[in-house]
Amino acid sequence: MDAAKLEELFQMGKNRQLLVRTLNCITKLFKARRHVYTAEMEDIRVFPLACVVQNYAWGKVGLDSEVAKLVVGDDPQAFIKHDQPYAELWMGAHSKGDACIKDNRIPQRTLGQWIAENPACLGSRVKKTFHGQLPFLFKVLSVKTALSIQAHPNRELAVQLHAKFPEHYPDNNHKPEMAIALTQFEGLCGFRPLEEISTFLKTVPEFHTLIGDEASEELQNSAEDPHRAAKALKMCFTRMMNCEKKVFVDQLNMLVKRITDDEETGKDTSGSHGKLLLRLNAQYPGDIGCFSIYFLNHIILEPGQAMFLGASEPHAYLSGDCIECMACSDNTVRAGLTPKYIDVNTLCEMLNYTPGPADSKIFPCTQYCSDPFVHLYDPAVPDFSVMRIEIPTAVKEYTINPVDSAGILLVVSGEATAAAPSSFSDLILRKGSVIFISANEGVSLRVTSTCGMTMYRACCLL
């Protein structure tokens, strides 16, 4: 073999060795990068969410709905149907509406899946207390027509109802909840003072007919004894709710006609809540729930005001947009103003029959001790608290302080660039953005909007 051939073979060998060394280097770099990438994925603790919309029939339609406005604010390409109701936005890990993770570096598809793999994100006390589950469900509601006359069970009753009727009561958990008005928000909440109910029994004869003389008289005579008053109130409400259908439909029709005639002649019908009654009857004709306005406080919340609904508190939402936070449950006992399943006997047995004035149902917020831009809504339940964060126009740098609880943050207005040590990349926040914040994680904001920001943060302050 001549020298030229030997030289050619020698060079080929060198090239092969060089190729092998190059491939080995590339493999090592790939493995190292994959290790770093995997470590990053494991350390991502703040990330955006795409949340579930519920299209219940009572919701506001199209872009009249605050829910729809938030959806399209976060995703300008989202298609909003002009004739479809957008009733609720669910922000959480409930099985009926588990939020999707909008970060392709994270292998889990939903928030519930990610929390199951990373329960430490909840915070040590929350993880232990709630057995590795996110304890709250955060929502936005846009209400066009009245929701049902309803209440939510306590833990013991929730377990019983779920065991007996899982198709109607899908969870074994209680459901205390809080509504915070985004726009003027109207609802019914808790039993009126006895003197107000007694006045309606005297001035609205159709209402008196449903209750009867005996029960009406007992209610009027029981005001000085709280225990007797609660029993009398239960008797009156139960009689109304169990009234024979023909009787209450006839009485409702008579009342509607009388109020309509009075309205047409210019008479003041406010003493019998005439306009409200006509509106509810137009939405739910011939429904016994229309008479509930004479038992329950009529409340109008201004933006930022709240009402807390503990277990067994009768209530109904009538109109408006609100933030809502609750224990992670979808259990509701209904008995009127709804086409859904009603359970009159359970509702009448479970209710809290303690009367009280409307203003007692307004839940106060307090300025958060460590941040002048935060107001805290902190009810006497362990499952959730809500913070309203209002950053003024002059403030351009702001830190969402860490707490020892996982949280969900919703941007209601304004824009910012958000950075967190564990996110590995900046997030753009605008109206409708929702992010998950793991326990003990802070988020730095650089506010880019010219009129400040408003955000709501749900968490669990044990």
Protein backbone atom coordinates (compact mmCIF):
# COMPACT_ATOMS: atom_id res chain seq x y z
CA MET A 1 0.00 0.00 0.00
CA ASP A 2 1.48 3.30 -1.04
CA ALA A 3 2.10 6.24 1.28
CA ALA A 4 -0.80 8.30 -0.10
CA LYS A 5 -3.30 5.59 0.75
CA LEU A 6 -1.91 5.23 4.23
CA GLU A 7 -2.15 8.97 4.75
CA GLU A 8 -5.81 8.95 3.60
CA LEU A 9 -6.70 6.14 6.01
CA PHE A 10 -4.90 7.93 8.82
CA GLN A 11 -6.89 11.13 8.23
CA MET A 12 -10.15 9.17 8.13
CA GLY A 13 -9.34 7.67 11.51
CA LYS A 14 -8.58 11.05 12.96
CA ASN A 15 -11.84 12.45 11.60
CA ARG A 16 -13.77 9.53 13.07
CA GLN A 17 -12.19 10.09 16.46
CA LEU A 18 -12.98 13.79 16.20
CA LEU A 19 -16.58 13.00 15.29
CA VAL A 20 -16.90 10.62 18.24
CA ARG A 21 -15.44 13.20 20.61
CA THR A 22 -17.78 15.86 19.19
CA LEU A 23 -20.82 13.64 19.62
CA ASN A 24 -19.78 12.82 23.18
CA CYS A 25 -19.46 16.51 23.96
CA ILE A 26 -22.88 17.24 22.47
CA THR A 27 -24.42 14.39 24.48
CA LYS A 28 -22.87 15.69 27.70
CA LEU A 29 -24.09 19.22 26.98
CA PHE A 30 -27.59 17.95 26.20
CA LYS A 31 -27.68 15.93 29.42
CA ALA A 32 -26.46 18.92 31.39
CA ARG A 33 -29.02 21.22 29.79
CA ARG A 34 -31.78 18.67 30.36
CA HIS A 35 -30.75 18.50 34.01
CA VAL A 36 -30.90 22.30 34.29
CA TYR A 37 -34.23 22.40 32.39
CA THR A 38 -35.68 19.69 34.65
CA ALA A 39 -34.47 21.58 37.70
CA GLU A 40 -36.09 24.75 36.35
CA MET A 41 -39.38 22.94 35.79
CA GLU A 42 -39.29 21.59 39.33
CA ASP A 43 -38.54 25.07 40.71
CA ILE A 44 -41.20 27.03 38.79
CA ARG A 45 -43.51 28.21 41.57
CA VAL A 46 -45.33 31.11 39.90
CA PHE A 47 -47.16 30.59 36.61
CA PRO A 48 -50.18 31.78 34.61
CA LEU A 49 -53.50 29.95 34.41
CA ALA A 50 -56.24 29.58 31.83
CA CYS A 51 -59.44 29.26 33.81
CA VAL A 52 -62.77 27.56 33.16
CA VAL A 53 -65.87 29.52 32.14
CA GLN A 54 -69.30 28.22 33.19
CA ASN A 55 -72.10 29.22 30.81
CA TYR A 56 -75.05 28.96 33.20
CA ALA A 57 -78.32 30.38 31.87
CA TRP A 58 -78.55 33.10 34.54
CA GLY A 59 -75.29 34.73 33.43
CA LYS A 60 -74.87 38.01 31.61
CA VAL A 61 -74.66 37.59 27.85
CA GLY A 62 -71.66 38.27 25.59
CA LEU A 63 -69.50 41.27 26.42
CA ASP A 64 -72.11 42.58 28.87
CA SER A 65 -70.57 39.98 31.20
CA GLU A 66 -67.57 40.90 33.31
CA VAL A 67 -66.50 37.27 33.01
CA ALA A 68 -66.36 37.62 29.22
CA LYS A 69 -64.49 40.92 29.49
CA LEU A 70 -61.86 39.30 31.71
CA VAL A 71 -61.48 36.36 29.32
CA VAL A 72 -60.94 38.59 26.28
CA GLY A 73 -58.76 40.97 28.30
CA ASP A 74 -56.34 38.13 29.03
CA ASP A 75 -56.59 36.67 25.52
CA PRO A 76 -57.57 39.22 22.84
CA GLN A 77 -57.98 36.34 20.37
CA ALA A 78 -60.67 34.66 22.51
CA PHE A 79 -64.00 34.35 20.70
CA ILE A 80 -66.95 35.65 22.70
CA LYS A 81 -70.40 34.65 21.45
CA HIS A 82 -72.73 37.64 21.60
CA ASP A 83 -75.76 35.47 22.47
CA GLN A 84 -74.14 33.15 25.03
CA PRO A 85 -74.19 33.66 28.81
CA TYR A 86 -70.84 33.93 30.57
CA ALA A 87 -71.85 33.33 34.16
CA GLU A 88 -68.83 32.22 36.16
CA LEU A 89 -65.04 32.11 35.88
CA TRP A 90 -63.61 29.32 38.05
CA MET A 91 -60.06 29.86 39.30
CA GLY A 92 -58.85 26.84 41.21
CA ALA A 93 -58.43 23.08 41.17
CA HIS A 94 -62.00 21.83 41.63
CA SER A 95 -62.69 18.76 39.49
CA LYS A 96 -65.54 20.52 37.72
CA GLY A 97 -63.29 23.39 36.63
CA ASP A 98 -59.59 22.60 37.08
CA ALA A 99 -57.57 25.51 35.66
CA CYS A 100 -55.06 24.78 32.88
CA ILE A 101 -51.41 25.78 33.29
CA LYS A 102 -50.19 28.23 30.63
CA ASP A 103 -46.49 27.36 30.85
CA ASN A 104 -45.20 24.69 28.48
CA ARG A 105 -42.14 24.09 30.68
CA ILE A 106 -44.42 22.45 33.25
CA PRO A 107 -45.34 18.83 32.40
CA GLN A 108 -48.63 18.78 34.31
CA ARG A 109 -51.59 20.07 32.32
CA THR A 110 -53.83 21.35 35.15
CA LEU A 111 -53.38 23.11 38.47
CA GLY A 112 -54.88 20.15 40.34
CA GLN A 113 -52.39 17.77 38.77
CA TRP A 114 -49.48 20.08 39.56
CA ILE A 115 -50.50 20.53 43.22
CA ALA A 116 -50.83 16.75 43.58
CA GLU A 117 -47.21 16.42 42.42
CA ASN A 118 -46.00 19.45 44.39
CA PRO A 119 -48.08 19.65 47.60
CA ALA A 120 -45.40 21.67 49.38
CA CYS A 121 -46.53 24.62 47.24
CA LEU A 122 -49.56 24.94 49.52
CA GLY A 123 -47.49 25.91 52.56
CA SER A 124 -46.78 23.57 55.46
CA ARG A 125 -49.82 24.42 57.58
CA VAL A 126 -52.24 24.50 54.65
CA LYS A 127 -50.89 21.21 53.34
CA LYS A 128 -51.33 19.53 56.74
CA THR A 129 -54.72 21.06 57.55
CA PHE A 130 -56.31 20.34 54.17
CA HIS A 131 -54.53 17.06 53.36
CA GLY A 132 -52.60 18.34 50.36
CA GLN A 133 -55.60 19.98 48.66
CA LEU A 134 -56.10 23.61 47.64
CA PRO A 135 -58.80 24.55 50.17
CA PHE A 136 -60.59 27.29 48.23
CA LEU A 137 -62.28 27.97 44.92
CA PHE A 138 -61.98 31.50 43.54
CA LYS A 139 -64.59 32.83 41.10
CA VAL A 140 -65.97 35.80 39.20
CA LEU A 141 -69.75 35.90 38.75
CA SER A 142 -71.76 37.96 36.25
CA VAL A 143 -75.44 37.75 37.16
CA LYS A 144 -78.22 38.80 34.80
CA THR A 145 -81.18 36.90 36.28
CA ALA A 146 -81.64 35.71 39.83
CA LEU A 147 -79.87 32.66 41.16
CA SER A 148 -81.86 30.26 43.29
CA ILE A 149 -83.03 30.69 46.86
CA GLN A 150 -80.33 28.57 48.42
CA ALA A 151 -78.04 27.73 51.28
CA HIS A 152 -74.92 25.64 51.68
CA PRO A 153 -74.51 22.74 54.12
CA ASN A 154 -72.07 22.51 56.98
CA ARG A 155 -69.46 19.75 56.90
CA GLU A 156 -71.59 17.15 58.68
CA LEU A 157 -74.63 17.68 56.47
CA ALA A 158 -72.46 17.83 53.34
CA VAL A 159 -71.12 14.35 54.08
CA GLN A 160 -74.66 13.01 54.59
CA LEU A 161 -76.09 14.62 51.45
CA HIS A 162 -73.18 13.51 49.29
CA ALA A 163 -73.54 9.93 50.52
CA LYS A 164 -77.29 9.83 49.83
CA PHE A 165 -77.58 11.98 46.70
CA PRO A 166 -74.17 12.31 45.00
CA GLU A 167 -75.83 13.29 41.74
CA HIS A 168 -77.23 16.44 43.41
CA TYR A 169 -74.52 17.06 46.02
CA PRO A 170 -71.20 16.26 44.33
CA ASP A 171 -68.88 17.11 47.24
CA ASN A 172 -68.56 15.99 50.85
CA ASN A 173 -67.27 19.40 51.92
CA HIS A 174 -68.96 22.46 53.36
CA LYS A 175 -69.23 25.64 51.30
CA PRO A 176 -68.97 28.91 53.22
CA GLU A 177 -68.55 31.69 50.69
CA MET A 178 -67.98 35.40 50.30
CA ALA A 179 -69.13 37.78 47.56
CA ILE A 180 -67.22 41.03 46.92
CA ALA A 181 -68.89 43.47 44.54
CA LEU A 182 -67.07 44.48 41.35
CA THR A 183 -70.06 46.48 40.14
CA GLN A 184 -73.20 47.35 42.06
CA PHE A 185 -74.31 43.91 43.23
CA GLU A 186 -77.79 42.95 44.41
CA GLY A 187 -78.79 40.00 46.53
CA LEU A 188 -80.96 38.55 49.27
CA CYS A 189 -79.20 37.46 52.45
CA GLY A 190 -80.37 36.23 55.85
CA PHE A 191 -83.75 36.61 57.51
CA ARG A 192 -85.08 40.10 58.06
CA PRO A 193 -85.81 41.42 61.56
CA LEU A 194 -89.14 40.02 62.79
CA GLU A 195 -90.78 43.44 62.81
CA GLU A 196 -90.12 43.84 59.08
CA ILE A 197 -91.58 40.42 58.28
CA SER A 198 -94.56 41.16 60.50
CA THR A 199 -95.14 44.43 58.64
CA PHE A 200 -95.23 42.57 55.31
CA LEU A 201 -97.70 40.08 56.80
CA LYS A 202 -99.99 43.01 57.57
CA THR A 203 -99.54 44.98 54.36
CA VAL A 204 -99.23 42.20 51.75
CA PRO A 205 -102.41 40.11 52.15
CA GLU A 206 -101.33 37.57 49.53
CA PHE A 207 -98.21 36.84 51.59
CA HIS A 208 -100.30 36.53 54.75
CA THR A 209 -102.56 34.00 53.05
CA LEU A 210 -99.64 31.67 52.43
CA ILE A 211 -98.47 31.82 56.05
CA GLY A 212 -101.85 31.68 57.77
CA ASP A 213 -103.26 33.45 60.81
CA GLU A 214 -101.83 31.13 63.47
CA ALA A 215 -98.23 31.20 62.28
CA SER A 216 -98.38 34.96 61.60
CA GLU A 217 -99.65 35.68 65.10
CA GLU A 218 -96.99 33.45 66.68
CA LEU A 219 -94.27 35.30 64.78
CA GLN A 220 -95.57 38.68 65.90
CA ASN A 221 -95.73 37.56 69.54
CA SER A 222 -92.26 35.97 69.73
CA ALA A 223 -89.97 38.96 69.26
CA GLU A 224 -88.80 39.10 72.89
CA ASP A 225 -87.64 35.47 73.03
CA PRO A 226 -84.88 34.59 70.50
CA HIS A 227 -85.47 30.83 70.78
CA ARG A 228 -89.22 31.21 70.31
CA ALA A 229 -88.64 33.68 67.49
CA ALA A 230 -86.41 31.22 65.60
CA LYS A 231 -89.04 28.49 65.94
CA ALA A 232 -91.80 30.81 64.77
CA LEU A 233 -89.73 31.99 61.83
CA LYS A 234 -89.00 28.41 60.82
CA MET A 235 -92.69 27.55 61.02
CA CYS A 236 -93.67 30.52 58.83
CA PHE A 237 -90.98 29.95 56.20
CA THR A 238 -91.64 26.21 56.05
CA ARG A 239 -95.38 26.79 55.61
CA MET A 240 -94.75 29.11 52.71
CA MET A 241 -92.26 26.83 51.00
CA ASN A 242 -94.58 23.82 51.36
CA CYS A 243 -97.71 25.65 50.29
CA GLU A 244 -99.87 23.87 47.72
CA LYS A 245 -98.83 25.00 44.26
CA LYS A 246 -102.28 26.15 43.11
CA VAL A 247 -102.63 28.30 46.23
CA PHE A 248 -99.31 30.10 45.92
CA VAL A 249 -99.61 30.55 42.14
CA ASP A 250 -103.06 32.09 42.56
CA GLN A 251 -101.83 34.39 45.32
CA LEU A 252 -98.75 35.39 43.33
CA ASN A 253 -100.86 36.20 40.28
CA MET A 254 -103.16 38.34 42.43
CA LEU A 255 -100.18 40.17 43.94
CA VAL A 256 -98.57 40.73 40.55
CA LYS A 257 -101.82 42.12 39.14
CA ARG A 258 -102.34 44.41 42.12
CA ILE A 259 -98.78 45.80 41.96
CA THR A 260 -98.93 46.17 38.19
CA ASP A 261 -102.18 48.14 38.47
CA ASP A 262 -100.66 50.33 41.20
CA GLU A 263 -97.55 50.96 39.10
CA GLU A 264 -99.67 51.97 36.10
CA THR A 265 -101.62 54.49 38.17
CA GLY A 266 -98.43 55.95 39.66
CA LYS A 267 -98.86 54.59 43.17
CA ASP A 268 -95.79 53.95 45.31
CA THR A 269 -95.22 50.18 45.56
CA SER A 270 -91.89 50.32 47.38
CA GLY A 271 -93.54 49.27 50.63
CA SER A 272 -94.22 45.86 49.12
CA HIS A 273 -91.02 45.75 47.03
CA GLY A 274 -93.21 45.98 43.97
CA LYS A 275 -90.55 46.48 41.31
CA LEU A 276 -88.41 43.64 42.66
CA LEU A 277 -91.38 41.29 42.84
CA LEU A 278 -92.40 42.05 39.24
CA ARG A 279 -88.82 41.50 38.06
CA LEU A 280 -88.49 38.13 39.79
CA ASN A 281 -91.88 36.99 38.56
CA ALA A 282 -90.93 37.96 35.00
CA GLN A 283 -87.78 35.83 35.32
CA TYR A 284 -89.43 32.89 37.12
CA PRO A 285 -93.23 33.11 36.58
CA GLY A 286 -95.32 31.43 39.23
CA ASP A 287 -92.32 30.53 41.42
CA ILE A 288 -92.74 30.39 45.19
CA GLY A 289 -89.30 31.97 45.52
CA CYS A 290 -90.80 35.33 44.51
CA PHE A 291 -92.35 35.57 47.99
CA SER A 292 -88.93 35.09 49.64
CA ILE A 293 -88.30 38.85 49.34
CA TYR A 294 -90.62 39.30 52.32
CA PHE A 295 -88.50 37.00 54.47
CA LEU A 296 -84.94 37.82 53.37
CA ASN A 297 -82.94 41.05 53.55
CA HIS A 298 -82.63 42.88 50.24
CA ILE A 299 -79.00 44.03 49.98
CA ILE A 300 -77.23 46.22 47.43
CA LEU A 301 -73.44 46.16 47.63
CA GLU A 302 -71.32 48.93 46.17
CA PRO A 303 -67.97 47.99 44.56
CA GLY A 304 -65.58 46.73 47.22
CA GLN A 305 -68.33 45.87 49.71
CA ALA A 306 -68.81 42.23 50.65
CA MET A 307 -71.20 39.80 52.25
CA PHE A 308 -70.17 36.54 53.91
CA LEU A 309 -72.47 33.54 53.70
CA GLY A 310 -71.79 30.96 56.35
CA ALA A 311 -73.25 27.48 56.48
CA SER A 312 -77.05 27.39 56.38
CA GLU A 313 -77.43 31.11 55.60
CA PRO A 314 -80.33 31.63 53.15
CA HIS A 315 -79.44 33.81 50.18
CA ALA A 316 -79.87 34.52 46.50
CA TYR A 317 -77.85 36.63 44.07
CA LEU A 318 -80.06 38.85 41.93
CA SER A 319 -77.88 40.98 39.64
CA GLY A 320 -74.41 42.41 39.10
CA ASP A 321 -70.78 41.27 39.00
CA CYS A 322 -68.76 40.02 41.93
CA ILE A 323 -65.64 38.26 43.08
CA GLU A 324 -66.56 35.12 44.98
CA CYS A 325 -64.40 32.90 47.16
CA MET A 326 -65.51 29.74 48.93
CA ALA A 327 -64.39 26.46 50.36
CA CYS A 328 -63.61 24.06 47.51
CA SER A 329 -67.09 22.63 47.07
CA ASP A 330 -70.05 22.80 44.69
CA ASN A 331 -72.77 21.81 47.17
CA THR A 332 -75.95 23.92 47.01
CA VAL A 333 -79.37 23.22 48.52
CA ARG A 334 -82.03 25.00 46.44
CA ALA A 335 -85.72 25.68 46.93
CA GLY A 336 -86.88 28.37 44.51
CA LEU A 337 -86.08 30.72 41.60
CA THR A 338 -84.41 27.90 39.67
CA PRO A 339 -85.12 25.21 37.08
CA LYS A 340 -82.55 22.99 38.84
CA TYR A 341 -83.16 20.30 41.44
CA ILE A 342 -84.91 21.67 44.52
CA ASP A 343 -84.84 20.15 48.00
CA VAL A 344 -87.37 22.09 50.06
CA ASN A 345 -87.41 19.83 53.10
CA THR A 346 -83.62 19.81 53.49
CA LEU A 347 -83.43 23.57 53.03
CA CYS A 348 -86.16 24.32 55.58
CA GLU A 349 -84.57 22.01 58.15
CA MET A 350 -81.00 23.26 57.75
CA LEU A 351 -81.45 27.05 57.68
CA ASN A 352 -80.13 29.50 60.23
CA TYR A 353 -83.32 31.18 61.47
CA THR A 354 -81.59 34.00 63.32
CA PRO A 355 -83.10 37.30 62.12
CA GLY A 356 -81.00 40.42 61.66
CA PRO A 357 -80.96 43.75 59.79
CA ALA A 358 -79.55 44.14 56.29
CA ASP A 359 -76.53 46.18 57.39
CA SER A 360 -75.43 43.33 59.66
CA LYS A 361 -74.86 41.23 56.56
CA ILE A 362 -72.22 43.59 55.14
CA PHE A 363 -68.85 42.00 55.83
CA PRO A 364 -66.15 44.54 56.75
CA CYS A 365 -62.68 44.55 55.26
CA THR A 366 -59.61 45.85 57.09
CA GLN A 367 -56.37 47.41 55.90
CA TYR A 368 -53.72 44.72 55.83
CA CYS A 369 -51.17 45.35 58.56
CA SER A 370 -48.04 45.18 56.38
CA ASP A 371 -49.23 46.86 53.17
CA PRO A 372 -51.18 50.13 52.82
CA PHE A 373 -52.40 49.12 49.36
CA VAL A 374 -54.11 45.92 50.56
CA HIS A 375 -57.52 45.46 52.15
CA LEU A 376 -58.21 42.08 53.71
CA TYR A 377 -61.51 40.18 53.79
CA ASP A 378 -60.89 37.54 56.46
CA PRO A 379 -63.98 35.56 57.54
CA ALA A 380 -64.03 33.25 60.55
CA VAL A 381 -63.44 30.10 58.50
CA PRO A 382 -60.03 28.51 57.87
CA ASP A 383 -60.54 27.77 54.17
CA PHE A 384 -59.91 31.17 52.59
CA SER A 385 -59.21 34.88 52.83
CA VAL A 386 -59.28 37.47 50.05
CA MET A 387 -57.05 40.51 49.54
CA ARG A 388 -58.01 43.51 47.42
CA ILE A 389 -54.83 45.12 46.09
CA GLU A 390 -55.16 48.65 44.74
CA ILE A 391 -51.93 50.16 43.42
CA PRO A 392 -52.26 53.94 42.91
CA THR A 393 -51.20 55.70 39.72
CA ALA A 394 -48.03 57.16 41.22
CA VAL A 395 -46.61 53.77 42.23
CA LYS A 396 -44.69 52.01 39.46
CA GLU A 397 -42.79 49.37 41.45
CA TYR A 398 -44.70 47.07 43.78
CA THR A 399 -44.08 43.72 45.48
CA ILE A 400 -46.81 41.18 46.17
CA ASN A 401 -45.52 39.96 49.50
CA PRO A 402 -45.14 36.25 50.21
CA VAL A 403 -47.51 34.50 52.61
CA ASP A 404 -47.37 30.95 53.96
CA SER A 405 -50.14 29.81 51.63
CA ALA A 406 -50.62 29.14 47.96
CA GLY A 407 -52.62 31.89 46.32
CA ILE A 408 -54.41 32.80 43.11
CA LEU A 409 -54.14 36.36 41.80
CA LEU A 410 -56.66 37.95 39.40
CA VAL A 411 -55.99 41.25 37.64
CA VAL A 412 -59.20 43.29 37.39
CA SER A 413 -57.63 46.39 35.86
CA GLY A 414 -54.22 47.72 34.88
CA GLU A 415 -51.08 46.24 33.37
CA ALA A 416 -47.66 45.23 34.69
CA THR A 417 -44.62 43.10 34.06
CA ALA A 418 -44.27 40.52 36.83
CA ALA A 419 -41.08 38.79 37.94
CA ALA A 420 -40.53 36.10 40.55
CA PRO A 421 -37.27 34.30 41.40
CA SER A 422 -38.92 30.94 40.66
CA SER A 423 -40.65 31.82 37.38
CA PHE A 424 -37.41 32.06 35.32
CA SER A 425 -39.10 34.50 32.94
CA ASP A 426 -41.21 37.65 33.19
CA LEU A 427 -45.00 37.48 33.00
CA ILE A 428 -47.15 40.13 31.34
CA LEU A 429 -50.17 40.90 33.52
CA ARG A 430 -53.25 42.71 32.23
CA LYS A 431 -57.01 42.73 32.86
CA GLY A 432 -58.13 39.12 33.15
CA SER A 433 -54.68 37.62 33.86
CA VAL A 434 -54.71 34.89 36.50
CA ILE A 435 -51.55 33.55 38.11
CA PHE A 436 -50.84 30.89 40.71
CA ILE A 437 -48.39 31.90 43.44
CA SER A 438 -46.90 29.16 45.59
CA ALA A 439 -46.52 29.60 49.33
CA ASN A 440 -43.73 31.92 50.49
CA GLU A 441 -43.17 33.32 46.99
CA GLY A 442 -43.09 37.05 46.32
CA VAL A 443 -43.84 38.67 42.98
CA SER A 444 -42.30 41.97 41.85
CA LEU A 445 -44.40 44.17 39.59
CA ARG A 446 -43.32 46.94 37.26
CA VAL A 447 -46.60 48.75 36.61
CA THR A 448 -46.93 49.90 32.99
CA SER A 449 -50.52 51.20 32.98
CA THR A 450 -51.16 54.89 33.52
CA CYS A 451 -54.01 54.49 36.01
CA GLY A 452 -52.68 52.01 38.56
CA MET A 453 -53.88 48.44 39.09
CA THR A 454 -56.62 46.58 40.93
CA MET A 455 -56.14 42.89 41.78
CA TYR A 456 -57.74 40.29 44.00
CA ARG A 457 -55.75 37.54 45.68
CA ALA A 458 -57.26 34.45 47.30
CA CYS A 459 -55.21 32.56 49.88
CA CYS A 460 -55.51 30.72 53.18
CA LEU A 461 -54.23 32.62 56.24
CA LEU A 462 -54.21 30.00 58.98
